[in-house]
């Protein structure tokens, strides 16, 4: 399984905002094969979580 183009575009925007604007670390990005959502764990203390749906919404 691979992420959709919409998921990758949203992932890129979120990564840019987290690292370049908010200076937050990103720990893991994973495709959940059950839901097909991209999961991202980020932030100091791992307190930021995103799930990006196949249509690119989070």
PDB file of N, CA and C in Angstrom:
ATOM      1  N   UNK A   1       0.834  -1.186   0.000  1.00  0.00           N
ATOM      2  CA  UNK A   1       0.000   0.000   0.000  1.00  0.00           C
ATOM      3  C   UNK A   1       0.878   1.249   0.000  1.00  0.00           C
ATOM      4  N   UNK A   2       0.395   2.256  -0.680  1.00  0.00           N
ATOM      5  CA  UNK A   2       1.086   3.541  -0.728  1.00  0.00           C
ATOM      6  C   UNK A   2       0.091   4.657  -0.434  1.00  0.00           C
ATOM      7  N   UNK A   3       0.565   5.764   0.133  1.00  0.00           N
ATOM      8  CA  UNK A   3      -0.329   6.899   0.382  1.00  0.00           C
ATOM      9  C   UNK A   3      -0.792   7.521  -0.935  1.00  0.00           C
ATOM     10  N   UNK A   4      -1.923   8.212  -0.874  1.00  0.00           N
ATOM     11  CA  UNK A   4      -2.444   8.899  -2.053  1.00  0.00           C
ATOM     12  C   UNK A   4      -1.661  10.202  -2.273  1.00  0.00           C
ATOM     13  N   UNK A   5      -1.823  10.761  -3.459  1.00  0.00           N
ATOM     14  CA  UNK A   5      -1.192  12.056  -3.757  1.00  0.00           C
ATOM     15  C   UNK A   5      -1.702  13.123  -2.789  1.00  0.00           C
ATOM     16  N   UNK A   6      -3.001  13.117  -2.497  1.00  0.00           N
ATOM     17  CA  UNK A   6      -3.574  14.097  -1.568  1.00  0.00           C
ATOM     18  C   UNK A   6      -2.967  13.957  -0.176  1.00  0.00           C
ATOM     19  N   UNK A   7      -2.756  12.720   0.274  1.00  0.00           N
ATOM     20  CA  UNK A   7      -2.128  12.499   1.578  1.00  0.00           C
ATOM     21  C   UNK A   7      -0.697  13.028   1.586  1.00  0.00           C
ATOM     22  N   UNK A   8       0.032  12.772   0.519  1.00  0.00           N
ATOM     23  CA  UNK A   8       1.422  13.227   0.463  1.00  0.00           C
ATOM     24  C   UNK A   8       1.515  14.751   0.435  1.00  0.00           C
ATOM     25  N   UNK A   9       0.594  15.400  -0.260  1.00  0.00           N
ATOM     26  CA  UNK A   9       0.599  16.866  -0.289  1.00  0.00           C
ATOM     27  C   UNK A   9       0.315  17.434   1.099  1.00  0.00           C
ATOM     28  N   UNK A  10      -0.653  16.871   1.799  1.00  0.00           N
ATOM     29  CA  UNK A  10      -0.958  17.320   3.156  1.00  0.00           C
ATOM     30  C   UNK A  10       0.202  17.023   4.097  1.00  0.00           C
ATOM     31  N   UNK A  11       0.796  15.849   3.960  1.00  0.00           N
ATOM     32  CA  UNK A  11       1.949  15.478   4.788  1.00  0.00           C
ATOM     33  C   UNK A  11       3.083  16.470   4.600  1.00  0.00           C
ATOM     34  N   UNK A  12       3.356  16.843   3.368  1.00  0.00           N
ATOM     35  CA  UNK A  12       4.427  17.811   3.096  1.00  0.00           C
ATOM     36  C   UNK A  12       4.135  19.146   3.787  1.00  0.00           C
ATOM     37  N   UNK A  13       2.896  19.638   3.652  1.00  0.00           N
ATOM     38  CA  UNK A  13       2.539  20.920   4.291  1.00  0.00           C
ATOM     39  C   UNK A  13       2.685  20.845   5.810  1.00  0.00           C
ATOM     40  N   UNK A  14       2.202  19.742   6.403  1.00  0.00           N
ATOM     41  CA  UNK A  14       2.308  19.595   7.859  1.00  0.00           C
ATOM     42  C   UNK A  14       3.756  19.503   8.312  1.00  0.00           C
ATOM     43  N   UNK A  15       4.564  18.742   7.590  1.00  0.00           N
ATOM     44  CA  UNK A  15       5.987  18.620   7.945  1.00  0.00           C
ATOM     45  C   UNK A  15       6.678  19.977   7.875  1.00  0.00           C
ATOM     46  N   UNK A  16       6.371  20.736   6.836  1.00  0.00           N
ATOM     47  CA  UNK A  16       6.965  22.069   6.695  1.00  0.00           C
ATOM     48  C   UNK A  16       6.558  22.967   7.861  1.00  0.00           C
ATOM     49  N   UNK A  17       5.275  22.965   8.200  1.00  0.00           N
ATOM     50  CA  UNK A  17       4.806  23.807   9.302  1.00  0.00           C
ATOM     51  C   UNK A  17       5.413  23.380  10.633  1.00  0.00           C
ATOM     52  N   UNK A  18       5.447  22.079  10.883  1.00  0.00           N
ATOM     53  CA  UNK A  18       5.977  21.594  12.160  1.00  0.00           C
ATOM     54  C   UNK A  18       7.457  21.888  12.321  1.00  0.00           C
ATOM     55  N   UNK A  19       8.249  21.651  11.284  1.00  0.00           N
ATOM     56  CA  UNK A  19       9.700  21.769  11.426  1.00  0.00           C
ATOM     57  C   UNK A  19      10.231  23.169  11.159  1.00  0.00           C
ATOM     58  N   UNK A  20       9.709  23.861  10.164  1.00  0.00           N
ATOM     59  CA  UNK A  20      10.269  25.158   9.785  1.00  0.00           C
ATOM     60  C   UNK A  20       9.598  26.341  10.466  1.00  0.00           C
ATOM     61  N   UNK A  21       8.342  26.176  10.869  1.00  0.00           N
ATOM     62  CA  UNK A  21       7.637  27.305  11.473  1.00  0.00           C
ATOM     63  C   UNK A  21       7.460  27.135  12.987  1.00  0.00           C
ATOM     64  N   UNK A  22       7.192  25.900  13.422  1.00  0.00           N
ATOM     65  CA  UNK A  22       6.940  25.652  14.840  1.00  0.00           C
ATOM     66  C   UNK A  22       8.133  25.016  15.552  1.00  0.00           C
ATOM     67  N   UNK A  23       9.140  24.603  14.792  1.00  0.00           N
ATOM     68  CA  UNK A  23      10.362  23.985  15.322  1.00  0.00           C
ATOM     69  C   UNK A  23      10.062  22.786  16.225  1.00  0.00           C
ATOM     70  N   UNK A  24       9.166  21.920  15.752  1.00  0.00           N
ATOM     71  CA  UNK A  24       8.777  20.716  16.476  1.00  0.00           C
ATOM     72  C   UNK A  24       9.375  19.489  15.795  1.00  0.00           C
ATOM     73  N   UNK A  25       9.844  18.526  16.567  1.00  0.00           N
ATOM     74  CA  UNK A  25      10.374  17.291  15.971  1.00  0.00           C
ATOM     75  C   UNK A  25       9.244  16.386  15.485  1.00  0.00           C
ATOM     76  N   UNK A  26       9.549  15.577  14.479  1.00  0.00           N
ATOM     77  CA  UNK A  26       8.624  14.565  13.976  1.00  0.00           C
ATOM     78  C   UNK A  26       9.245  13.215  14.301  1.00  0.00           C
ATOM     79  N   UNK A  27       8.473  12.353  14.962  1.00  0.00           N
ATOM     80  CA  UNK A  27       9.009  11.072  15.409  1.00  0.00           C
ATOM     81  C   UNK A  27       8.667   9.909  14.498  1.00  0.00           C
ATOM     82  N   UNK A  28       7.446   9.870  14.000  1.00  0.00           N
ATOM     83  CA  UNK A  28       7.061   8.736  13.163  1.00  0.00           C
ATOM     84  C   UNK A  28       5.980   9.169  12.176  1.00  0.00           C
ATOM     85  N   UNK A  29       6.066   8.616  10.982  1.00  0.00           N
ATOM     86  CA  UNK A  29       5.016   8.747   9.973  1.00  0.00           C
ATOM     87  C   UNK A  29       4.772   7.334   9.462  1.00  0.00           C
ATOM     88  N   UNK A  30       3.504   6.900   9.527  1.00  0.00           N
ATOM     89  CA  UNK A  30       3.202   5.515   9.168  1.00  0.00           C
ATOM     90  C   UNK A  30       1.859   5.434   8.480  1.00  0.00           C
ATOM     91  N   UNK A  31       1.747   4.563   7.492  1.00  0.00           N
ATOM     92  CA  UNK A  31       0.482   4.303   6.827  1.00  0.00           C
ATOM     93  C   UNK A  31      -0.216   3.157   7.551  1.00  0.00           C
ATOM     94  N   UNK A  32      -1.410   3.450   8.091  1.00  0.00           N
ATOM     95  CA  UNK A  32      -2.199   2.421   8.758  1.00  0.00           C
ATOM     96  C   UNK A  32      -2.906   1.610   7.676  1.00  0.00           C
ATOM     97  N   UNK A  33      -2.521   0.365   7.525  1.00  0.00           N
ATOM     98  CA  UNK A  33      -3.059  -0.468   6.450  1.00  0.00           C
ATOM     99  C   UNK A  33      -4.516  -0.850   6.679  1.00  0.00           C
ATOM    100  N   UNK A  34      -5.012  -0.714   7.906  1.00  0.00           N
ATOM    101  CA  UNK A  34      -6.421  -1.023   8.181  1.00  0.00           C
ATOM    102  C   UNK A  34      -7.331   0.094   7.686  1.00  0.00           C
ATOM    103  N   UNK A  35      -6.956   1.356   7.982  1.00  0.00           N
ATOM    104  CA  UNK A  35      -7.797   2.505   7.652  1.00  0.00           C
ATOM    105  C   UNK A  35      -7.318   3.262   6.422  1.00  0.00           C
ATOM    106  N   UNK A  36      -6.087   3.001   5.986  1.00  0.00           N
ATOM    107  CA  UNK A  36      -5.415   3.704   4.886  1.00  0.00           C
ATOM    108  C   UNK A  36      -5.139   5.164   5.227  1.00  0.00           C
ATOM    109  N   UNK A  37      -5.171   5.515   6.528  1.00  0.00           N
ATOM    110  CA  UNK A  37      -4.803   6.852   6.977  1.00  0.00           C
ATOM    111  C   UNK A  37      -3.306   6.903   7.243  1.00  0.00           C
ATOM    112  N   UNK A  38      -2.710   8.062   6.964  1.00  0.00           N
ATOM    113  CA  UNK A  38      -1.324   8.306   7.369  1.00  0.00           C
ATOM    114  C   UNK A  38      -1.359   8.805   8.807  1.00  0.00           C
ATOM    115  N   UNK A  39      -0.517   8.281   9.643  1.00  0.00           N
ATOM    116  CA  UNK A  39      -0.437   8.676  11.045  1.00  0.00           C
ATOM    117  C   UNK A  39       0.897   9.370  11.267  1.00  0.00           C
ATOM    118  N   UNK A  40       0.868  10.505  11.954  1.00  0.00           N
ATOM    119  CA  UNK A  40       2.090  11.235  12.280  1.00  0.00           C
ATOM    120  C   UNK A  40       2.105  11.540  13.769  1.00  0.00           C
ATOM    121  N   UNK A  41       3.233  11.259  14.409  1.00  0.00           N
ATOM    122  CA  UNK A  41       3.452  11.585  15.807  1.00  0.00           C
ATOM    123  C   UNK A  41       4.586  12.594  15.858  1.00  0.00           C
ATOM    124  N   UNK A  42       4.336  13.740  16.477  1.00  0.00           N
ATOM    125  CA  UNK A  42       5.316  14.824  16.473  1.00  0.00           C
ATOM    126  C   UNK A  42       5.230  15.617  17.772  1.00  0.00           C
ATOM    127  N   UNK A  43       6.090  16.625  17.879  1.00  0.00           N
ATOM    128  CA  UNK A  43       6.055  17.557  18.988  1.00  0.00           C
ATOM    129  C   UNK A  43       6.895  17.135  20.166  1.00  0.00           C
ATOM    130  N   UNK A  44       7.347  18.120  20.886  1.00  0.00           N
ATOM    131  CA  UNK A  44       8.105  17.851  22.104  1.00  0.00           C
ATOM    132  C   UNK A  44       7.205  17.079  23.058  1.00  0.00           C
ATOM    133  N   UNK A  45       7.665  15.972  23.556  1.00  0.00           N
ATOM    134  CA  UNK A  45       6.857  15.125  24.407  1.00  0.00           C
ATOM    135  C   UNK A  45       5.860  14.290  23.633  1.00  0.00           C
ATOM    136  N   UNK A  46       6.025  14.239  22.323  1.00  0.00           N
ATOM    137  CA  UNK A  46       5.170  13.439  21.430  1.00  0.00           C
ATOM    138  C   UNK A  46       3.702  13.781  21.615  1.00  0.00           C
ATOM    139  N   UNK A  47       3.392  15.066  21.788  1.00  0.00           N
ATOM    140  CA  UNK A  47       2.037  15.493  22.073  1.00  0.00           C
ATOM    141  C   UNK A  47       1.208  15.905  20.876  1.00  0.00           C
ATOM    142  N   UNK A  48       1.750  15.807  19.666  1.00  0.00           N
ATOM    143  CA  UNK A  48       1.001  16.193  18.473  1.00  0.00           C
ATOM    144  C   UNK A  48       0.761  14.951  17.633  1.00  0.00           C
ATOM    145  N   UNK A  49      -0.505  14.695  17.329  1.00  0.00           N
ATOM    146  CA  UNK A  49      -0.860  13.546  16.500  1.00  0.00           C
ATOM    147  C   UNK A  49      -1.740  14.009  15.348  1.00  0.00           C
ATOM    148  N   UNK A  50      -1.478  13.482  14.165  1.00  0.00           N
ATOM    149  CA  UNK A  50      -2.307  13.742  12.998  1.00  0.00           C
ATOM    150  C   UNK A  50      -2.650  12.420  12.340  1.00  0.00           C
ATOM    151  N   UNK A  51      -3.854  12.327  11.817  1.00  0.00           N
ATOM    152  CA  UNK A  51      -4.231  11.236  10.926  1.00  0.00           C
ATOM    153  C   UNK A  51      -4.714  11.883   9.645  1.00  0.00           C
ATOM    154  N   UNK A  52      -4.045  11.572   8.545  1.00  0.00           N
ATOM    155  CA  UNK A  52      -4.382  12.155   7.258  1.00  0.00           C
ATOM    156  C   UNK A  52      -5.165  11.112   6.471  1.00  0.00           C
ATOM    157  N   UNK A  53      -6.395  11.440   6.142  1.00  0.00           N
ATOM    158  CA  UNK A  53      -7.261  10.524   5.416  1.00  0.00           C
ATOM    159  C   UNK A  53      -6.850  10.443   3.946  1.00  0.00           C
ATOM    160  N   UNK A  54      -7.290   9.412   3.232  1.00  0.00           N
ATOM    161  CA  UNK A  54      -6.924   9.271   1.821  1.00  0.00           C
ATOM    162  C   UNK A  54      -7.282  10.481   0.945  1.00  0.00           C
ATOM    163  N   UNK A  55      -8.283  11.271   1.345  1.00  0.00           N
ATOM    164  CA  UNK A  55      -8.643  12.453   0.567  1.00  0.00           C
ATOM    165  C   UNK A  55      -7.798  13.671   0.937  1.00  0.00           C
ATOM    166  N   UNK A  56      -6.859  13.527   1.875  1.00  0.00           N
ATOM    167  CA  UNK A  56      -5.951  14.596   2.259  1.00  0.00           C
ATOM    168  C   UNK A  56      -6.393  15.394   3.472  1.00  0.00           C
ATOM    169  N   UNK A  57      -7.613  15.161   3.946  1.00  0.00           N
ATOM    170  CA  UNK A  57      -8.081  15.887   5.145  1.00  0.00           C
ATOM    171  C   UNK A  57      -7.476  15.261   6.400  1.00  0.00           C
ATOM    172  N   UNK A  58      -7.279  16.100   7.410  1.00  0.00           N
ATOM    173  CA  UNK A  58      -6.745  15.601   8.681  1.00  0.00           C
ATOM    174  C   UNK A  58      -7.560  16.109   9.833  1.00  0.00           C
TER     175      UNK A  58
END
